[in-house]
Amino acid sequence: MISIDEFRRMDLRVGTVKSAEPHPNADKLLVLRVDLGAEERQIVAGIRGQYDPAALVGRQIVVIANLETAKLRGIESQGMLLAASDGNRIVILSTEKPVTPGAKIS
């Protein structure tokens, strides 16, 4: 269990996918460019087998914006998208209706 204060430290935001491409060095990764309102970020996500990159463009996703950057197979990831998994299927979390990119989730 985490405290409510620990939960509040997570910066969850809505991002709009601007581009999505297969990672050149990994079969399961996609490289996304995501508009977070005040800035654009690159996010590497393990969803390649579940989503067609072209179908992600324009879609809104939920992003952890204050996660430390990490290199995944040589490419920097500047956040993490949230998704649910129920065995072999991965489903990206998104908003019910369009909102402004960068909108804070609380």
C-alpha atoms as a PDB file:
ATOM      1  CA  MET A   1       0.000   0.000   0.000  1.00  0.00           C
ATOM      2  CA  ILE A   2       1.105   3.540  -0.713  1.00  0.00           C
ATOM      3  CA  SER A   3      -0.084   6.662   1.014  1.00  0.00           C
ATOM      4  CA  ILE A   4      -2.253   9.289  -0.655  1.00  0.00           C
ATOM      5  CA  ASP A   5       0.754  11.628  -0.541  1.00  0.00           C
ATOM      6  CA  GLU A   6       2.846   9.107  -2.470  1.00  0.00           C
ATOM      7  CA  PHE A   7       0.071   8.784  -5.054  1.00  0.00           C
ATOM      8  CA  ARG A   8      -0.158  12.579  -5.406  1.00  0.00           C
ATOM      9  CA  ARG A   9       3.546  12.698  -6.336  1.00  0.00           C
ATOM     10  CA  MET A  10       2.741  10.916  -9.609  1.00  0.00           C
ATOM     11  CA  ASP A  11       2.169  13.406 -12.414  1.00  0.00           C
ATOM     12  CA  LEU A  12      -0.489  11.759 -14.586  1.00  0.00           C
ATOM     13  CA  ARG A  13      -1.322  13.682 -17.745  1.00  0.00           C
ATOM     14  CA  VAL A  14      -3.215  13.262 -20.975  1.00  0.00           C
ATOM     15  CA  GLY A  15      -1.043  13.186 -24.072  1.00  0.00           C
ATOM     16  CA  THR A  16      -1.925  13.136 -27.758  1.00  0.00           C
ATOM     17  CA  VAL A  17       0.133  10.789 -29.928  1.00  0.00           C
ATOM     18  CA  LYS A  18       1.752  12.784 -32.756  1.00  0.00           C
ATOM     19  CA  SER A  19       3.704   9.899 -34.305  1.00  0.00           C
ATOM     20  CA  ALA A  20       4.376   6.218 -33.692  1.00  0.00           C
ATOM     21  CA  GLU A  21       7.084   4.060 -35.242  1.00  0.00           C
ATOM     22  CA  PRO A  22       8.513   0.599 -34.653  1.00  0.00           C
ATOM     23  CA  HIS A  23      11.641   0.598 -32.503  1.00  0.00           C
ATOM     24  CA  PRO A  24      14.561  -0.222 -34.826  1.00  0.00           C
ATOM     25  CA  ASN A  25      16.187  -2.643 -32.339  1.00  0.00           C
ATOM     26  CA  ALA A  26      13.245  -4.354 -30.614  1.00  0.00           C
ATOM     27  CA  ASP A  27      10.348  -6.454 -31.891  1.00  0.00           C
ATOM     28  CA  LYS A  28       7.945  -5.548 -29.062  1.00  0.00           C
ATOM     29  CA  LEU A  29       8.566  -1.791 -28.746  1.00  0.00           C
ATOM     30  CA  LEU A  30       7.078   1.295 -30.397  1.00  0.00           C
ATOM     31  CA  VAL A  31       8.565   4.794 -30.241  1.00  0.00           C
ATOM     32  CA  LEU A  32       5.874   7.441 -29.737  1.00  0.00           C
ATOM     33  CA  ARG A  33       6.074  11.238 -29.952  1.00  0.00           C
ATOM     34  CA  VAL A  34       3.455  12.573 -27.520  1.00  0.00           C
ATOM     35  CA  ASP A  35       2.118  16.126 -27.162  1.00  0.00           C
ATOM     36  CA  LEU A  36       1.765  16.989 -23.465  1.00  0.00           C
ATOM     37  CA  GLY A  37       0.634  20.558 -24.056  1.00  0.00           C
ATOM     38  CA  ALA A  38       3.658  22.569 -22.941  1.00  0.00           C
ATOM     39  CA  GLU A  39       6.094  20.060 -24.455  1.00  0.00           C
ATOM     40  CA  GLU A  40       6.470  17.048 -26.683  1.00  0.00           C
ATOM     41  CA  ARG A  41       7.971  13.834 -25.305  1.00  0.00           C
ATOM     42  CA  GLN A  42       9.336  10.608 -26.705  1.00  0.00           C
ATOM     43  CA  ILE A  43       7.947   7.473 -25.068  1.00  0.00           C
ATOM     44  CA  VAL A  44       9.035   3.912 -25.772  1.00  0.00           C
ATOM     45  CA  ALA A  45       6.287   1.383 -25.077  1.00  0.00           C
ATOM     46  CA  GLY A  46       6.016  -2.406 -25.285  1.00  0.00           C
ATOM     47  CA  ILE A  47       2.828  -2.426 -27.356  1.00  0.00           C
ATOM     48  CA  ARG A  48       4.128  -3.183 -30.850  1.00  0.00           C
ATOM     49  CA  GLY A  49       2.381  -6.538 -31.208  1.00  0.00           C
ATOM     50  CA  GLN A  50      -0.931  -5.070 -30.034  1.00  0.00           C
ATOM     51  CA  TYR A  51      -1.231  -1.791 -31.926  1.00  0.00           C
ATOM     52  CA  ASP A  52      -0.671  -0.622 -35.482  1.00  0.00           C
ATOM     53  CA  PRO A  53       1.517   2.502 -35.214  1.00  0.00           C
ATOM     54  CA  ALA A  54      -0.580   4.488 -37.716  1.00  0.00           C
ATOM     55  CA  ALA A  55      -3.760   3.808 -35.708  1.00  0.00           C
ATOM     56  CA  LEU A  56      -2.229   5.448 -32.616  1.00  0.00           C
ATOM     57  CA  VAL A  57      -1.643   8.853 -34.250  1.00  0.00           C
ATOM     58  CA  GLY A  58      -4.138  11.374 -32.879  1.00  0.00           C
ATOM     59  CA  ARG A  59      -5.177   9.125 -30.030  1.00  0.00           C
ATOM     60  CA  GLN A  60      -5.136  10.430 -26.463  1.00  0.00           C
ATOM     61  CA  ILE A  61      -3.329   8.356 -23.845  1.00  0.00           C
ATOM     62  CA  VAL A  62      -2.557   8.567 -20.136  1.00  0.00           C
ATOM     63  CA  VAL A  63       1.116   9.272 -19.371  1.00  0.00           C
ATOM     64  CA  ILE A  64       3.197   9.295 -16.198  1.00  0.00           C
ATOM     65  CA  ALA A  65       5.032  12.534 -16.904  1.00  0.00           C
ATOM     66  CA  ASN A  66       7.418  12.706 -13.931  1.00  0.00           C
ATOM     67  CA  LEU A  67       9.071   9.317 -14.332  1.00  0.00           C
ATOM     68  CA  GLU A  68      12.855   9.300 -14.703  1.00  0.00           C
ATOM     69  CA  THR A  69      14.010   8.927 -18.287  1.00  0.00           C
ATOM     70  CA  ALA A  70      15.235   5.493 -19.296  1.00  0.00           C
ATOM     71  CA  LYS A  71      17.030   4.042 -22.314  1.00  0.00           C
ATOM     72  CA  LEU A  72      15.205   1.109 -23.869  1.00  0.00           C
ATOM     73  CA  ARG A  73      17.341  -0.688 -26.430  1.00  0.00           C
ATOM     74  CA  GLY A  74      19.318   2.520 -27.024  1.00  0.00           C
ATOM     75  CA  ILE A  75      16.386   4.950 -27.349  1.00  0.00           C
ATOM     76  CA  GLU A  76      15.454   7.369 -24.562  1.00  0.00           C
ATOM     77  CA  SER A  77      11.964   7.128 -23.099  1.00  0.00           C
ATOM     78  CA  GLN A  78      10.747  10.302 -21.349  1.00  0.00           C
ATOM     79  CA  GLY A  79       7.713   8.903 -19.569  1.00  0.00           C
ATOM     80  CA  MET A  80       5.421   5.890 -19.566  1.00  0.00           C
ATOM     81  CA  LEU A  81       2.002   5.292 -21.022  1.00  0.00           C
ATOM     82  CA  LEU A  82      -0.521   3.436 -18.873  1.00  0.00           C
ATOM     83  CA  ALA A  83      -2.124   0.247 -20.133  1.00  0.00           C
ATOM     84  CA  ALA A  84      -4.052  -2.719 -18.785  1.00  0.00           C
ATOM     85  CA  SER A  85      -3.132  -6.323 -19.476  1.00  0.00           C
ATOM     86  CA  ASP A  86      -5.276  -9.420 -19.146  1.00  0.00           C
ATOM     87  CA  GLY A  87      -3.011 -12.180 -20.337  1.00  0.00           C
ATOM     88  CA  ASN A  88      -2.048 -11.830 -23.997  1.00  0.00           C
ATOM     89  CA  ARG A  89      -3.885  -8.553 -24.576  1.00  0.00           C
ATOM     90  CA  ILE A  90      -2.643  -5.027 -23.795  1.00  0.00           C
ATOM     91  CA  VAL A  91      -5.134  -2.144 -23.786  1.00  0.00           C
ATOM     92  CA  ILE A  92      -3.978   1.481 -23.616  1.00  0.00           C
ATOM     93  CA  LEU A  93      -5.782   3.693 -21.095  1.00  0.00           C
ATOM     94  CA  SER A  94      -7.354   6.752 -22.648  1.00  0.00           C
ATOM     95  CA  THR A  95      -9.914   9.451 -21.909  1.00  0.00           C
ATOM     96  CA  GLU A  96     -13.639   9.044 -22.499  1.00  0.00           C
ATOM     97  CA  LYS A  97     -13.793  12.353 -24.397  1.00  0.00           C
ATOM     98  CA  PRO A  98     -11.071  14.533 -25.965  1.00  0.00           C
ATOM     99  CA  VAL A  99      -9.326  16.937 -23.588  1.00  0.00           C
ATOM    100  CA  THR A 100      -6.519  19.436 -23.947  1.00  0.00           C
ATOM    101  CA  PRO A 101      -3.102  17.762 -24.230  1.00  0.00           C
ATOM    102  CA  GLY A 102      -1.297  18.056 -20.905  1.00  0.00           C
ATOM    103  CA  ALA A 103      -4.513  17.979 -18.852  1.00  0.00           C
ATOM    104  CA  LYS A 104      -3.737  16.722 -15.359  1.00  0.00           C
ATOM    105  CA  ILE A 105      -5.392  13.518 -14.177  1.00  0.00           C
ATOM    106  CA  SER A 106      -6.457  13.494 -10.531  1.00  0.00           C
END
